[in-house]
C-alpha cells in the first residue's frame, strides 16, 4: 500500500474537502523536495539568460515520469506568471531490447507526448552507442572482436553477440547499464545540454551504491550517485534523490489525472530467479531495499547520505587515468587486469603481450568482461 493510500485509510473522518487538502499537501511535499534539490545545484530560474536545456533520460518508470510531470508543472507556472520559460526539457528514451526483455513502450510513449506536448522527444537504440564509442575497450575485447569479424555484421548483431559472450547475468546487466549511460552522455554532448536530470530516487541510489561496491567499482561511487560534474564533462543532477521510491509511487497515483497510464513498470517487480545463473546483483539489491524501505526507511536514506560523504575529483583531468569501458577514474596504484584475467604490473603485461596497457580497465569492468 502506498503512503498516500495509508494516510487516507488512517483518517477515519475523511471528507471530500479533507481528501483534497491531504492530496495537495502531499503533492507540495514532493514538489518542494525536487525544487530545493534543483536550486541547490544552481538550476533555479534565471529569466535574464538564454533558457537552459536539460536532458531527461526517461525509463517510463515511476521516478522519471514523476520528474517530467513536476518539471512540466514548473514550466507552466512560470509561463503563466511571467510569460517566459527559464529552461527547456529534451526527453530521451533508450530502447534496450537488444540486451533485455523490454515491455512494449509505444503506447505509453505516445500518450506521454500527447500529455506533455511542449517538450522535445527522442528515442535511441542501445546499439547506437557504437556510433559514438569507437575508442572504448569494447574494441579491444576478444569478445567484441569476434562479433565484429564480418565487415557486413550489423551493429545490433555485434552488440548481441558481445553481451551473449559475457560470463554472467550480472555482467550483462552491468555492461548494458554502462553502455546506456555512455549513449546518454554522448547524446547530451551532441545537443549541447546544460545538465542531465536523472529521476533516481533515494531507494534507487542506495541500490546502486551497494551494487557497484559488490561489483568491485566502489571507488567510483561518488561519480555514480552524487550531483555534480560527471567524467564526461556534463553536469549530472538527481532531483528526486531526497524521496523514497514508495513516496514517488504515491505521487504518480495522487496526481490528476494519475500518471500510471504513462508507465511501463506498473506491473509487480520481478522476483529473483530460482537459478543463480539468471539472478543479478541488481535483482538482489532491489529485493532487499524493497523490504527495507517499507519498515526501515531511515536505513535507505543513511546509505545514500554516507555515500554522499565520499569526495570525487572536481574534474576528470585530476584523475591520472580512466577506465576505457565505464570511463570512470581508476584508483591510483591499482594493478591492471589482462583480458586473460591475470593481475599483474601493467608494464609487464604490455611487454609480454605486445598489447596496449590493460591497466586502463577498472576492476569492476575487467571482472564483468573477462571469462572466469
Protein backbone atom coordinates (compact mmCIF):
# COMPACT_ATOMS: atom_id res chain seq x y z
CA UNK A 1 0.00 0.00 0.00
CA UNK A 2 1.34 3.46 -0.91
CA UNK A 3 1.99 6.26 1.61
CA UNK A 4 -0.85 8.31 0.17
CA UNK A 5 -3.31 5.40 0.46
CA UNK A 6 -2.15 4.70 4.02
CA UNK A 7 -2.75 8.33 5.01
CA UNK A 8 -6.28 8.19 3.58
CA UNK A 9 -7.04 4.92 5.35
CA UNK A 10 -5.70 6.22 8.68
CA UNK A 11 -8.01 9.26 8.61
CA UNK A 12 -11.32 7.98 9.95
CA UNK A 13 -13.13 11.33 9.47
CA UNK A 14 -12.09 11.82 5.87
CA UNK A 15 -14.34 14.12 3.83
CA UNK A 16 -14.00 15.21 0.23
CA UNK A 17 -12.51 18.53 1.38
CA UNK A 18 -10.01 16.82 3.67
CA UNK A 19 -9.12 14.42 0.86
CA UNK A 20 -8.28 17.34 -1.43
CA UNK A 21 -6.21 19.02 1.30
CA UNK A 22 -4.39 15.78 2.01
CA UNK A 23 -3.55 15.25 -1.65
CA UNK A 24 -2.45 18.87 -2.10
CA UNK A 25 -0.18 18.73 0.97
CA UNK A 26 1.44 15.52 -0.19
CA UNK A 27 1.96 16.89 -3.71
CA UNK A 28 3.51 20.07 -2.31
CA UNK A 29 5.85 17.97 -0.17
CA UNK A 30 7.14 16.04 -3.20
CA UNK A 31 7.43 19.09 -5.46
CA UNK A 32 9.25 21.08 -2.77
CA UNK A 33 11.84 18.32 -2.35
CA UNK A 34 12.57 18.37 -6.08
CA UNK A 35 12.61 22.17 -6.33
CA UNK A 36 15.05 22.55 -3.43
CA UNK A 37 17.39 19.99 -4.99
CA UNK A 38 17.32 21.89 -8.30
CA UNK A 39 18.01 25.17 -6.52
CA UNK A 40 20.89 23.70 -4.52
CA UNK A 41 22.51 22.75 -7.83
CA UNK A 42 22.04 26.30 -9.18
CA UNK A 43 19.42 25.22 -11.68
CA UNK A 44 16.83 27.70 -10.44
CA UNK A 45 15.01 30.05 -12.80
CA UNK A 46 17.03 32.95 -14.22
CA UNK A 47 14.90 34.81 -16.73
CA UNK A 48 17.52 37.27 -18.00
CA UNK A 49 19.55 34.43 -19.53
CA UNK A 50 19.07 32.14 -22.50
CA UNK A 51 16.82 29.24 -21.36
CA UNK A 52 18.87 26.29 -20.18
CA UNK A 53 18.50 22.91 -21.86
CA UNK A 54 18.04 19.88 -19.61
CA UNK A 55 18.20 16.30 -20.87
CA UNK A 56 15.81 13.95 -19.07
CA UNK A 57 16.58 10.24 -19.71
CA UNK A 58 13.23 8.51 -19.35
CA UNK A 59 12.80 4.85 -18.41
CA UNK A 60 8.99 5.17 -18.34
CA UNK A 61 9.16 4.13 -14.70
CA UNK A 62 7.63 5.86 -11.68
CA UNK A 63 10.52 8.20 -10.87
CA UNK A 64 11.39 9.54 -14.31
CA UNK A 65 7.75 10.10 -15.32
CA UNK A 66 7.06 11.86 -11.99
CA UNK A 67 10.08 14.11 -12.58
CA UNK A 68 8.82 15.01 -16.07
CA UNK A 69 5.41 15.87 -14.59
CA UNK A 70 6.96 18.12 -11.92
CA UNK A 71 9.19 19.93 -14.44
CA UNK A 72 6.23 20.40 -16.78
CA UNK A 73 4.16 21.94 -13.96
CA UNK A 74 7.00 24.31 -13.09
CA UNK A 75 7.25 25.49 -16.68
CA UNK A 76 3.51 26.01 -16.93
CA UNK A 77 3.59 28.06 -13.71
CA UNK A 78 6.49 30.17 -15.00
CA UNK A 79 4.77 30.85 -18.30
CA UNK A 80 1.52 31.79 -16.61
CA UNK A 81 3.29 34.13 -14.18
CA UNK A 82 5.94 35.71 -16.41
CA UNK A 83 5.19 34.70 -19.98
CA UNK A 84 8.62 33.02 -20.23
CA UNK A 85 10.27 29.70 -19.54
CA UNK A 86 13.66 29.52 -17.83
CA UNK A 87 14.56 26.08 -19.20
CA UNK A 88 13.71 23.56 -21.88
CA UNK A 89 13.43 19.79 -21.48
CA UNK A 90 14.61 17.23 -24.01
CA UNK A 91 13.22 13.79 -23.14
CA UNK A 92 15.25 10.76 -24.22
CA UNK A 93 14.24 7.08 -24.15
CA UNK A 94 16.84 4.37 -24.79
CA UNK A 95 15.44 1.19 -26.33
CA UNK A 96 17.40 -1.66 -24.69
CA UNK A 97 15.61 -4.54 -26.41
CA UNK A 98 18.95 -5.70 -27.81
CA UNK A 99 20.02 -6.59 -24.28
CA UNK A 100 16.92 -7.18 -22.13
CA UNK A 101 13.31 -8.25 -22.47
CA UNK A 102 11.71 -4.83 -22.59
CA UNK A 103 7.93 -4.29 -22.37
CA UNK A 104 6.22 -2.63 -25.32
CA UNK A 105 6.56 1.10 -24.74
CA UNK A 106 4.91 2.51 -27.89
CA UNK A 107 1.51 3.25 -26.33
CA UNK A 108 2.96 4.76 -23.14
CA UNK A 109 5.41 6.88 -25.17
CA UNK A 110 2.67 8.15 -27.46
CA UNK A 111 0.40 9.01 -24.51
CA UNK A 112 3.25 10.81 -22.77
CA UNK A 113 3.95 13.02 -25.79
CA UNK A 114 0.25 13.89 -26.04
CA UNK A 115 0.04 14.75 -22.33
CA UNK A 116 3.24 16.86 -22.29
CA UNK A 117 3.48 18.30 -25.83
CA UNK A 118 5.74 21.28 -25.07
CA UNK A 119 8.95 19.22 -24.80
CA UNK A 120 11.28 17.63 -27.35
CA UNK A 121 11.32 13.82 -27.54
CA UNK A 122 13.87 11.36 -28.91
CA UNK A 123 14.29 7.56 -28.98
CA UNK A 124 17.67 5.87 -29.45
CA UNK A 125 18.51 2.18 -29.81
CA UNK A 126 21.18 0.93 -27.41
CA UNK A 127 23.34 -0.24 -30.30
CA UNK A 128 23.69 3.40 -31.40
CA UNK A 129 26.34 3.70 -28.70
CA UNK A 130 28.73 2.08 -31.20
CA UNK A 131 28.41 5.19 -33.37
CA UNK A 132 29.99 7.24 -30.58
CA UNK A 133 32.08 4.70 -28.70
CA UNK A 134 34.82 3.90 -31.22
CA UNK A 135 37.78 4.17 -28.82
CA UNK A 136 36.50 2.13 -25.91
CA UNK A 137 37.84 -1.16 -24.61
CA UNK A 138 34.95 -2.92 -26.35
CA UNK A 139 37.07 -2.74 -29.49
CA UNK A 140 39.95 -4.37 -27.60
CA UNK A 141 37.88 -7.18 -26.14
CA UNK A 142 38.25 -10.53 -27.90
CA UNK A 143 34.51 -11.00 -27.39
CA UNK A 144 33.68 -7.88 -29.36
CA UNK A 145 36.36 -8.55 -31.95
CA UNK A 146 34.78 -11.93 -32.71
CA UNK A 147 31.37 -10.30 -33.07
CA UNK A 148 32.68 -7.69 -35.49
CA UNK A 149 34.76 -10.03 -37.70
CA UNK A 150 32.40 -9.62 -40.65
CA UNK A 151 32.50 -6.16 -42.23
CA UNK A 152 28.80 -6.53 -43.03
CA UNK A 153 27.82 -7.50 -39.49
CA UNK A 154 25.17 -5.02 -38.27
CA UNK A 155 25.78 -3.12 -35.03
CA UNK A 156 22.83 -4.80 -33.33
CA UNK A 157 24.23 -8.26 -34.08
CA UNK A 158 27.68 -7.22 -32.84
CA UNK A 159 26.27 -5.98 -29.56
CA UNK A 160 24.02 -9.03 -29.11
CA UNK A 161 26.99 -11.37 -29.65
CA UNK A 162 29.19 -9.37 -27.31
CA UNK A 163 26.62 -9.39 -24.50
CA UNK A 164 25.83 -13.08 -25.02
CA UNK A 165 29.52 -13.89 -24.56
CA UNK A 166 29.78 -12.27 -21.15
CA UNK A 167 30.27 -14.67 -18.23
CA UNK A 168 27.12 -14.00 -16.17
CA UNK A 169 23.76 -12.28 -15.97
CA UNK A 170 25.31 -9.69 -13.65
CA UNK A 171 27.99 -8.96 -16.26
CA UNK A 172 25.37 -8.47 -18.97
CA UNK A 173 23.28 -6.16 -16.80
CA UNK A 174 26.41 -4.25 -15.81
CA UNK A 175 27.58 -3.72 -19.39
CA UNK A 176 24.07 -2.80 -20.53
CA UNK A 177 23.87 -0.09 -17.87
CA UNK A 178 27.31 1.25 -18.75
CA UNK A 179 26.54 1.41 -22.47
CA UNK A 180 23.21 3.14 -21.77
CA UNK A 181 24.97 5.78 -19.67
CA UNK A 182 27.60 6.34 -22.38
CA UNK A 183 24.91 6.73 -25.03
CA UNK A 184 23.05 9.27 -22.89
CA UNK A 185 26.24 11.26 -22.25
CA UNK A 186 27.17 11.24 -25.94
CA UNK A 187 23.67 12.37 -26.93
CA UNK A 188 23.76 15.11 -24.28
CA UNK A 189 27.01 16.45 -25.73
CA UNK A 190 25.52 16.32 -29.22
CA UNK A 191 22.59 18.58 -28.28
CA UNK A 192 24.78 20.82 -26.06
CA UNK A 193 22.60 20.42 -22.99
CA UNK A 194 23.47 22.16 -19.72
CA UNK A 195 22.63 19.29 -17.35
CA UNK A 196 21.35 15.73 -17.33
CA UNK A 197 18.48 15.21 -14.89
CA UNK A 198 18.03 11.61 -13.73
CA UNK A 199 14.90 10.52 -11.89
CA UNK A 200 16.65 8.15 -9.47
CA UNK A 201 15.06 8.02 -6.01
CA UNK A 202 16.82 7.58 -2.67
CA UNK A 203 15.99 3.87 -2.89
CA UNK A 204 17.48 3.51 -6.36
CA UNK A 205 20.67 5.34 -5.38
CA UNK A 206 21.04 3.09 -2.31
CA UNK A 207 20.66 0.02 -4.53
CA UNK A 208 23.29 1.36 -6.91
CA UNK A 209 25.71 2.18 -4.10
CA UNK A 210 25.80 -1.36 -2.74
CA UNK A 211 25.58 -2.97 -6.20
CA UNK A 212 28.60 -1.08 -7.52
CA UNK A 213 30.58 -1.84 -4.37
CA UNK A 214 29.75 -5.54 -4.73
CA UNK A 215 30.84 -5.49 -8.39
CA UNK A 216 34.24 -4.01 -7.50
CA UNK A 217 33.54 -0.44 -8.55
CA UNK A 218 33.23 1.08 -5.09
CA UNK A 219 35.90 3.69 -5.76
CA UNK A 220 33.67 5.25 -8.43
CA UNK A 221 30.57 5.60 -6.24
CA UNK A 222 30.89 9.42 -5.96
CA UNK A 223 30.72 9.66 -9.75
CA UNK A 224 27.71 7.34 -9.92
CA UNK A 225 25.47 8.72 -7.17
CA UNK A 226 26.39 12.34 -6.46
CA UNK A 227 25.21 15.57 -8.04
CA UNK A 228 27.95 17.40 -9.92
CA UNK A 229 30.25 17.26 -12.90
CA UNK A 230 30.49 13.80 -14.44
CA UNK A 231 33.64 12.35 -16.05
CA UNK A 232 32.05 13.13 -19.42
CA UNK A 233 32.17 16.83 -18.56
CA UNK A 234 28.40 17.29 -18.26
CA UNK A 235 26.68 18.19 -15.00
CA UNK A 236 24.56 15.34 -13.63
CA UNK A 237 21.77 16.00 -11.12
CA UNK A 238 19.39 13.67 -9.27
CA UNK A 239 16.43 15.94 -8.33
CA UNK A 240 14.46 13.02 -6.78
CA UNK A 241 17.31 11.87 -4.54
CA UNK A 242 15.55 13.02 -1.33
CA UNK A 243 12.43 10.94 -1.99
CA UNK A 244 11.87 7.24 -1.39
CA UNK A 245 10.53 5.06 -4.17
CA UNK A 246 7.27 4.49 -2.28
CA UNK A 247 6.76 8.27 -1.98
CA UNK A 248 7.24 8.75 -5.71
CA UNK A 249 4.91 5.85 -6.45
CA UNK A 250 2.28 7.50 -4.26
CA UNK A 251 2.79 10.77 -6.15
CA UNK A 252 2.08 9.13 -9.51
CA UNK A 253 -1.18 7.79 -8.05
CA UNK A 254 -2.28 11.07 -6.47
CA UNK A 255 -1.92 13.40 -9.49
CA UNK A 256 -4.95 14.40 -11.54
CA UNK A 257 -5.04 12.61 -13.89
CA UNK A 258 -2.85 9.79 -12.49
CA UNK A 259 0.48 9.14 -14.21
CA UNK A 260 0.09 5.36 -14.24
CA UNK A 261 -1.04 5.17 -17.92
CA UNK A 262 2.39 6.52 -18.92
CA UNK A 263 4.33 3.78 -17.16
CA UNK A 264 5.67 0.50 -18.48
CA UNK A 265 6.75 -0.56 -14.97
CA UNK A 266 3.29 -0.56 -13.39
CA UNK A 267 3.42 -4.34 -13.01
CA UNK A 268 4.76 -6.18 -9.93
CA UNK A 269 8.54 -6.24 -9.71
CA UNK A 270 10.25 -9.36 -11.00
CA UNK A 271 11.28 -11.78 -8.30
CA UNK A 272 14.84 -13.10 -8.33
CA UNK A 273 15.17 -16.23 -10.43
CA UNK A 274 15.42 -19.53 -8.62
CA UNK A 275 18.54 -20.17 -10.68
CA UNK A 276 21.57 -18.19 -9.54
CA UNK A 277 22.74 -18.09 -13.18
CA UNK A 278 19.91 -15.70 -14.06
CA UNK A 279 19.97 -13.60 -10.89
CA UNK A 280 21.90 -10.33 -10.98
CA UNK A 281 23.34 -8.31 -8.13
CA UNK A 282 20.85 -5.57 -9.06
CA UNK A 283 17.96 -8.06 -8.61
CA UNK A 284 19.13 -8.98 -5.12
CA UNK A 285 19.71 -5.37 -4.05
CA UNK A 286 16.33 -4.36 -5.45
CA UNK A 287 14.52 -7.00 -3.44
CA UNK A 288 16.50 -6.18 -0.30
CA UNK A 289 15.76 -2.46 -0.38
CA UNK A 290 12.15 -3.07 -1.33
CA UNK A 291 11.62 -4.72 2.04
CA UNK A 292 13.89 -2.35 3.98
CA UNK A 293 12.15 0.72 2.56
CA UNK A 294 8.78 -0.36 3.95
CA UNK A 295 9.86 -0.82 7.57
CA UNK A 296 13.19 0.99 7.95
CA UNK A 297 13.27 3.94 5.51
CA UNK A 298 15.97 5.70 7.54
CA UNK A 299 18.42 2.90 6.65
CA UNK A 300 17.88 3.58 2.94
CA UNK A 301 18.48 7.29 3.43
CA UNK A 302 21.59 6.64 5.54
CA UNK A 303 23.18 4.57 2.75
CA UNK A 304 22.81 7.50 0.33
CA UNK A 305 23.94 10.10 2.87
CA UNK A 306 27.01 8.02 3.73
CA UNK A 307 27.98 7.60 0.08
CA UNK A 308 27.47 11.33 -0.33
CA UNK A 309 30.37 11.96 2.04
CA UNK A 310 32.76 10.37 -0.45
CA UNK A 311 34.59 13.01 -2.45
CA UNK A 312 35.37 12.71 -6.16
CA UNK A 313 37.86 14.89 -8.05
CA UNK A 314 36.19 18.10 -9.20
CA UNK A 315 37.33 17.45 -12.77
CA UNK A 316 38.22 14.32 -14.65
CA UNK A 317 41.56 15.88 -15.54
CA UNK A 318 42.62 15.42 -11.93
CA UNK A 319 42.50 11.64 -12.37
CA UNK A 320 45.64 10.11 -13.87
CA UNK A 321 43.73 7.54 -15.93
CA UNK A 322 40.19 6.43 -16.66
CA UNK A 323 38.70 3.04 -17.41
CA UNK A 324 38.25 2.54 -21.15
CA UNK A 325 34.83 0.93 -20.71
CA UNK A 326 32.97 2.82 -17.99
CA UNK A 327 35.13 5.97 -18.41
CA UNK A 328 35.36 6.41 -14.65
CA UNK A 329 38.64 7.32 -12.89
CA UNK A 330 40.94 4.47 -11.93
CA UNK A 331 42.16 4.09 -8.36
CA UNK A 332 45.75 5.24 -8.12
CA UNK A 333 48.20 2.40 -7.58
CA UNK A 334 45.80 -0.37 -8.58
CA UNK A 335 47.29 -3.11 -10.74
CA UNK A 336 45.89 -3.77 -14.18
CA UNK A 337 43.91 -6.78 -15.28
CA UNK A 338 44.75 -8.54 -18.53
CA UNK A 339 41.98 -9.96 -20.74
CA UNK A 340 43.07 -13.41 -19.58
CA UNK A 341 42.08 -12.43 -16.05
CA UNK A 342 45.64 -12.28 -14.68
CA UNK A 343 46.52 -9.45 -12.36
CA UNK A 344 49.99 -8.07 -12.88
CA UNK A 345 52.03 -4.95 -13.31
CA UNK A 346 50.82 -3.01 -16.41
CA UNK A 347 54.33 -2.66 -17.89
CA UNK A 348 54.95 -6.42 -17.57
CA UNK A 349 51.68 -7.21 -19.31
CA UNK A 350 52.35 -4.81 -22.16
CA UNK A 351 55.86 -6.20 -22.65
CA UNK A 352 54.73 -9.84 -22.56
CA UNK A 353 51.73 -9.47 -24.85
CA UNK A 354 52.73 -6.62 -27.15
CA UNK A 355 49.30 -5.06 -26.50
CA UNK A 356 48.37 -1.66 -25.17
CA UNK A 357 48.31 -1.08 -21.42
CA UNK A 358 45.46 -3.15 -19.97
CA UNK A 359 45.60 -1.31 -16.65
CA UNK A 360 43.12 1.09 -18.27
CA UNK A 361 40.34 -1.25 -17.15
CA UNK A 362 38.91 -0.79 -13.68
CA UNK A 363 38.47 -3.90 -11.56
CA UNK A 364 34.69 -3.88 -11.96
CA UNK A 365 34.74 -3.71 -15.77
CA UNK A 366 37.53 -6.28 -16.02
CA UNK A 367 35.52 -8.73 -13.91
CA UNK A 368 32.38 -8.10 -16.00
CA UNK A 369 34.09 -8.71 -19.34
CA UNK A 370 36.60 -11.44 -18.54
CA UNK A 371 35.58 -15.08 -18.70
CA UNK A 372 36.44 -16.96 -15.48
